[in-house]
C-alpha atoms as a PDB file:
ATOM      1  CA  MET A   1     -14.465  22.776  22.726  1.00  0.00           C
ATOM      2  CA  SER A   2     -15.817  22.850  19.164  1.00  0.00           C
ATOM      3  CA  GLY A   3     -12.444  24.024  17.852  1.00  0.00           C
ATOM      4  CA  PHE A   4     -10.734  21.072  19.494  1.00  0.00           C
ATOM      5  CA  ILE A   5     -13.207  18.635  17.913  1.00  0.00           C
ATOM      6  CA  ASP A   6     -12.687  20.253  14.515  1.00  0.00           C
ATOM      7  CA  LYS A   7      -8.909  19.870  14.886  1.00  0.00           C
ATOM      8  CA  ILE A   8      -9.307  16.178  15.716  1.00  0.00           C
ATOM      9  CA  LYS A   9     -11.616  15.658  12.722  1.00  0.00           C
ATOM     10  CA  HIS A  10      -9.147  17.354  10.379  1.00  0.00           C
ATOM     11  CA  LYS A  11      -6.248  15.279  11.723  1.00  0.00           C
ATOM     12  CA  ALA A  12      -8.295  12.082  11.320  1.00  0.00           C
ATOM     13  CA  GLU A  13      -9.126  13.017   7.722  1.00  0.00           C
ATOM     14  CA  ALA A  14      -5.440  13.699   7.032  1.00  0.00           C
ATOM     15  CA  VAL A  15      -4.424  10.332   8.467  1.00  0.00           C
ATOM     16  CA  SER A  16      -7.151   8.577   6.471  1.00  0.00           C
ATOM     17  CA  ALA A  17      -5.995  10.279   3.270  1.00  0.00           C
ATOM     18  CA  ALA A  18      -2.368   9.316   3.946  1.00  0.00           C
ATOM     19  CA  ILE A  19      -3.355   5.695   4.516  1.00  0.00           C
ATOM     20  CA  ASP A  20      -5.434   5.644   1.326  1.00  0.00           C
ATOM     21  CA  ASN A  21      -2.479   7.104  -0.575  1.00  0.00           C
ATOM     22  CA  GLU A  22      -0.070   4.470   0.753  1.00  0.00           C
ATOM     23  CA  LEU A  23      -2.469   1.645  -0.048  1.00  0.00           C
ATOM     24  CA  THR A  24      -2.900   2.956  -3.590  1.00  0.00           C
ATOM     25  CA  VAL A  25       0.873   3.071  -4.048  1.00  0.00           C
ATOM     26  CA  LEU A  26       1.275  -0.439  -2.662  1.00  0.00           C
ATOM     27  CA  GLU A  27      -1.508  -1.840  -4.856  1.00  0.00           C
ATOM     28  CA  GLY A  28       0.126  -0.376  -7.957  1.00  0.00           C
ATOM     29  CA  ALA A  29       3.591  -1.615  -7.101  1.00  0.00           C
ATOM     30  CA  GLY A  30       4.433  -4.805  -8.881  1.00  0.00           C
ATOM     31  CA  GLY A  31       7.450  -6.710  -7.908  1.00  0.00           C
ATOM     32  CA  ASP A  32       8.231 -10.089  -6.528  1.00  0.00           C
ATOM     33  CA  ASP A  33       6.121 -11.628  -3.777  1.00  0.00           C
ATOM     34  CA  PRO A  34       8.633 -13.222  -1.410  1.00  0.00           C
ATOM     35  CA  LEU A  35       5.917 -15.405   0.131  1.00  0.00           C
ATOM     36  CA  ALA A  36       4.644 -16.814  -3.162  1.00  0.00           C
ATOM     37  CA  ASP A  37       5.598 -20.302  -4.274  1.00  0.00           C
ATOM     38  CA  HIS A  38       7.938 -20.007  -7.244  1.00  0.00           C
ATOM     39  CA  ASP A  39       8.353 -22.672  -9.862  1.00  0.00           C
ATOM     40  CA  GLU A  40      12.048 -22.538 -10.770  1.00  0.00           C
ATOM     41  CA  SER A  41      11.581 -24.140 -14.200  1.00  0.00           C
ATOM     42  CA  ASN A  42       9.126 -21.400 -15.254  1.00  0.00           C
ATOM     43  CA  GLU A  43      11.492 -18.671 -14.061  1.00  0.00           C
ATOM     44  CA  ALA A  44      14.382 -20.141 -16.077  1.00  0.00           C
ATOM     45  CA  GLU A  45      12.252 -20.214 -19.254  1.00  0.00           C
ATOM     46  CA  ALA A  46      11.049 -16.653 -18.718  1.00  0.00           C
ATOM     47  CA  SER A  47      14.561 -15.270 -18.314  1.00  0.00           C
ATOM     48  CA  SER A  48      15.921 -16.885 -21.512  1.00  0.00           C
END
């Protein structure tokens, strides 16, 4: 039974590490927020 519990703990740690990795990648990714309010006049000035 102890071996089974150890397997579950290791799998949970692996899942937690994968989630932390994905969140770190997503936090570092810039890009455009499609839900943000965009001011079109500011975007036109920035592109020129």
